[in-house]
């Protein structure tokens, strides 16, 4: 019996332009097993982030099928896909995406509030402690460094016990030392929570820490 939590079959994505359709992804097939850490790598414009958004159900492919946690995304409307993401998926992005008017603690609790579950302040404080921000709970994002903001984003991503974490260039806006610290935290949290990780990165060292790597060139997977 397959334990895959993500399955893409012959997935392509085209977008309209002023002259002719532009193919971003072409005939991509892959599977990700439960608990795996996989990297999506390739040069800028190879289709990494587009593939991630499709796998996470943030967008729909032009052709092909994607199954997320056993659910056929094409058979779900946007509301159902959003509910699935809220219930089982976490995100970390390069640009942090914290709410400026909320404290670190409130930003971490936000996914639980959006999901409609009890905002577990104790869990949020515990997660902030795990990322080294005990005592900074009341600070606004503007009062935190870039590395500290990404730590808050990491804690927020794990707030609702996600089964899958999608991370899009999570260290891309950080200096080398801070990036290494954030990477260590990412893999430690992922291991501790048994989460499946899909990591978009251009950093070979980060990709090498994953169980498998999918390399994209010109919208196609050329190496697994």
Protein backbone atom coordinates (compact mmCIF):
# COMPACT_ATOMS: atom_id res chain seq x y z
CA UNK A 1 0.00 0.00 0.00
CA UNK A 2 1.42 3.39 -0.99
CA UNK A 3 2.26 5.82 1.78
CA UNK A 4 2.61 8.76 -0.61
CA UNK A 5 1.12 12.01 0.69
CA UNK A 6 1.76 13.90 -2.56
CA UNK A 7 1.36 12.45 -6.04
CA UNK A 8 1.64 14.36 -9.30
CA UNK A 9 0.88 12.63 -12.60
CA UNK A 10 1.80 14.25 -15.95
CA UNK A 11 1.31 17.76 -14.59
CA UNK A 12 1.70 20.73 -16.93
CA UNK A 13 1.04 24.42 -16.41
CA UNK A 14 0.56 27.04 -19.09
CA UNK A 15 -0.26 30.71 -18.69
CA UNK A 16 -1.59 33.12 -21.28
CA UNK A 17 0.63 35.89 -22.59
CA UNK A 18 0.02 38.69 -25.08
CA UNK A 19 1.49 36.61 -27.91
CA UNK A 20 1.11 32.90 -27.11
CA UNK A 21 0.69 30.52 -24.16
CA UNK A 22 3.80 30.16 -21.99
CA UNK A 23 4.58 26.67 -20.68
CA UNK A 24 5.98 26.86 -17.12
CA UNK A 25 5.78 23.14 -16.27
CA UNK A 26 5.63 20.20 -18.66
CA UNK A 27 4.70 16.58 -17.92
CA UNK A 28 5.93 16.50 -14.31
CA UNK A 29 5.33 13.30 -12.35
CA UNK A 30 6.54 12.64 -8.81
CA UNK A 31 5.58 11.09 -5.49
CA UNK A 32 6.50 12.13 -1.97
CA UNK A 33 6.22 9.64 0.87
CA UNK A 34 4.98 10.39 4.37
CA UNK A 35 7.75 11.78 6.57
CA UNK A 36 10.13 12.44 3.67
CA UNK A 37 12.09 15.63 3.14
CA UNK A 38 12.40 16.44 -0.56
CA UNK A 39 14.00 19.38 -2.33
CA UNK A 40 12.86 21.07 -5.53
CA UNK A 41 15.96 22.62 -7.11
CA UNK A 42 16.84 24.41 -10.33
CA UNK A 43 17.85 27.79 -11.65
CA UNK A 44 15.55 30.80 -11.39
CA UNK A 45 12.62 30.34 -13.76
CA UNK A 46 12.87 26.54 -13.84
CA UNK A 47 9.38 26.16 -12.37
CA UNK A 48 10.18 25.28 -8.75
CA UNK A 49 7.82 27.69 -7.02
CA UNK A 50 5.07 27.06 -9.57
CA UNK A 51 5.30 23.32 -8.91
CA UNK A 52 5.14 23.94 -5.17
CA UNK A 53 2.00 26.05 -5.48
CA UNK A 54 0.36 23.30 -7.54
CA UNK A 55 1.36 20.52 -5.13
CA UNK A 56 -0.04 22.56 -2.23
CA UNK A 57 -3.33 23.23 -4.01
CA UNK A 58 -2.73 26.98 -4.18
CA UNK A 59 -3.21 26.80 -7.95
CA UNK A 60 -4.49 24.20 -10.40
CA UNK A 61 -2.55 22.60 -13.28
CA UNK A 62 -3.49 23.05 -16.91
CA UNK A 63 -3.12 19.30 -17.42
CA UNK A 64 -2.50 16.28 -15.21
CA UNK A 65 -3.53 15.17 -11.74
CA UNK A 66 -2.35 16.06 -8.25
CA UNK A 67 -3.32 14.11 -5.14
CA UNK A 68 -2.65 15.71 -1.76
CA UNK A 69 -3.09 13.45 1.27
CA UNK A 70 -5.11 11.08 -0.89
CA UNK A 71 -7.44 13.82 -2.15
CA UNK A 72 -7.73 14.56 -5.87
CA UNK A 73 -7.33 18.34 -5.94
CA UNK A 74 -9.05 18.68 -9.33
CA UNK A 75 -12.24 17.28 -7.80
CA UNK A 76 -12.29 19.92 -5.05
CA UNK A 77 -13.39 23.55 -5.29
CA UNK A 78 -11.22 26.33 -3.87
CA UNK A 79 -13.09 26.33 -0.56
CA UNK A 80 -12.45 22.62 -0.08
CA UNK A 81 -8.78 22.99 -1.05
CA UNK A 82 -8.43 25.87 1.41
CA UNK A 83 -9.97 23.75 4.15
CA UNK A 84 -7.52 20.94 3.39
CA UNK A 85 -4.58 23.34 3.55
CA UNK A 86 -5.83 24.86 6.80
CA UNK A 87 -6.23 21.42 8.33
CA UNK A 88 -3.03 19.70 7.24
CA UNK A 89 -0.53 22.02 5.53
CA UNK A 90 2.00 24.56 6.78
CA UNK A 91 3.93 27.17 4.80
CA UNK A 92 7.21 29.06 5.22
CA UNK A 93 8.11 31.68 2.63
CA UNK A 94 11.20 33.71 1.82
CA UNK A 95 9.43 36.96 2.73
CA UNK A 96 8.22 35.89 6.24
CA UNK A 97 4.63 37.24 5.68
CA UNK A 98 4.05 38.18 9.30
CA UNK A 99 1.16 40.50 10.21
CA UNK A 100 2.85 43.80 11.19
CA UNK A 101 0.24 44.77 13.78
CA UNK A 102 0.37 41.43 15.63
CA UNK A 103 2.93 40.40 18.22
CA UNK A 104 5.17 37.41 17.70
CA UNK A 105 2.87 35.33 19.92
CA UNK A 106 -0.25 36.46 18.05
CA UNK A 107 1.37 35.74 14.67
CA UNK A 108 2.15 32.18 15.79
CA UNK A 109 -1.40 31.64 17.06
CA UNK A 110 -2.97 33.02 13.87
CA UNK A 111 -3.29 29.70 11.93
CA UNK A 112 -5.26 28.17 14.82
CA UNK A 113 -7.55 31.20 14.91
CA UNK A 114 -8.11 31.04 11.14
CA UNK A 115 -8.75 27.30 11.37
CA UNK A 116 -11.42 27.99 13.99
CA UNK A 117 -9.77 25.96 16.72
CA UNK A 118 -8.81 27.11 20.19
CA UNK A 119 -5.84 29.47 20.09
CA UNK A 120 -3.49 27.43 22.26
CA UNK A 121 -1.28 30.10 23.80
CA UNK A 122 0.77 27.50 25.68
CA UNK A 123 1.66 25.72 22.43
CA UNK A 124 2.51 29.02 20.74
CA UNK A 125 4.83 29.95 23.61
CA UNK A 126 6.42 26.49 23.48
CA UNK A 127 7.08 26.81 19.74
CA UNK A 128 8.60 30.26 20.19
CA UNK A 129 10.82 28.74 22.85
CA UNK A 130 11.91 26.00 20.46
CA UNK A 131 13.04 28.59 17.93
CA UNK A 132 14.90 30.59 20.57
CA UNK A 133 12.48 33.46 21.06
CA UNK A 134 11.38 33.02 24.67
CA UNK A 135 10.89 36.47 26.12
CA UNK A 136 10.14 38.03 22.72
CA UNK A 137 6.47 37.03 22.62
CA UNK A 138 5.17 40.62 22.87
CA UNK A 139 7.49 42.06 20.20
CA UNK A 140 6.07 43.26 16.89
CA UNK A 141 7.74 42.14 13.63
CA UNK A 142 9.28 45.62 13.25
CA UNK A 143 11.08 45.04 16.56
CA UNK A 144 12.65 41.77 15.33
CA UNK A 145 15.56 41.11 12.97
CA UNK A 146 15.03 39.25 9.71
CA UNK A 147 16.28 36.03 11.24
CA UNK A 148 13.99 36.45 14.23
CA UNK A 149 11.02 37.12 11.96
CA UNK A 150 11.74 33.90 10.06
CA UNK A 151 11.89 32.05 13.40
CA UNK A 152 8.40 33.37 14.16
CA UNK A 153 7.27 32.20 10.70
CA UNK A 154 8.71 28.74 11.42
CA UNK A 155 6.90 28.53 14.76
CA UNK A 156 3.68 29.67 13.07
CA UNK A 157 4.00 26.97 10.40
CA UNK A 158 3.98 24.23 13.03
CA UNK A 159 1.17 25.70 15.14
CA UNK A 160 -1.58 23.45 13.79
CA UNK A 161 0.45 20.19 13.63
CA UNK A 162 0.71 20.13 9.82
CA UNK A 163 1.23 16.82 8.07
CA UNK A 164 3.08 18.56 5.23
CA UNK A 165 5.27 21.67 5.31
CA UNK A 166 6.01 23.60 2.12
CA UNK A 167 9.03 25.90 2.41
CA UNK A 168 9.81 28.26 -0.49
CA UNK A 169 13.39 29.59 -0.26
CA UNK A 170 13.05 29.94 3.54
CA UNK A 171 16.63 31.20 3.95
CA UNK A 172 16.78 33.31 0.79
CA UNK A 173 16.53 36.70 2.54
CA UNK A 174 19.01 35.91 5.31
CA UNK A 175 22.76 36.25 5.73
CA UNK A 176 24.82 33.06 5.64
CA UNK A 177 25.12 32.56 9.41
CA UNK A 178 21.45 33.28 10.09
CA UNK A 179 20.41 31.09 7.15
CA UNK A 180 22.35 28.15 8.61
CA UNK A 181 20.63 28.62 11.97
CA UNK A 182 17.17 28.77 10.37
CA UNK A 183 17.95 25.65 8.30
CA UNK A 184 18.95 23.75 11.45
CA UNK A 185 15.72 24.83 13.14
CA UNK A 186 13.65 23.86 10.10
CA UNK A 187 15.00 20.33 9.93
CA UNK A 188 14.89 19.89 13.73
CA UNK A 189 11.24 20.96 13.94
CA UNK A 190 10.42 18.82 10.93
CA UNK A 191 12.06 15.77 12.50
CA UNK A 192 10.47 16.34 15.91
CA UNK A 193 6.97 16.64 14.43
CA UNK A 194 7.32 13.86 11.83
CA UNK A 195 6.24 16.28 9.12
CA UNK A 196 6.70 15.75 5.38
CA UNK A 197 8.85 18.56 4.00
CA UNK A 198 8.81 19.97 0.47
CA UNK A 199 11.63 22.50 0.19
CA UNK A 200 12.16 24.86 -2.74
CA UNK A 201 15.77 26.02 -2.74
CA UNK A 202 18.68 27.08 -4.93
CA UNK A 203 21.12 26.17 -2.13
CA UNK A 204 22.85 22.80 -2.82
CA UNK A 205 23.84 22.41 0.84
CA UNK A 206 20.23 22.77 1.93
CA UNK A 207 19.04 20.36 -0.75
CA UNK A 208 21.66 17.79 0.32
CA UNK A 209 20.08 17.63 3.77
CA UNK A 210 16.87 16.29 2.22
CA UNK A 211 16.15 12.62 1.55
CA UNK A 212 15.65 13.19 -2.19
CA UNK A 213 16.07 15.97 -4.73
CA UNK A 214 13.97 16.75 -7.80
CA UNK A 215 15.88 18.92 -10.28
CA UNK A 216 13.86 21.06 -12.68
CA UNK A 217 15.10 22.45 -15.98
CA UNK A 218 12.82 24.34 -18.33
CA UNK A 219 9.73 23.19 -16.47
CA UNK A 220 10.64 19.49 -16.54
CA UNK A 221 12.03 17.17 -13.88
CA UNK A 222 15.38 16.04 -15.29
CA UNK A 223 16.84 14.24 -12.28
CA UNK A 224 15.48 12.48 -9.21
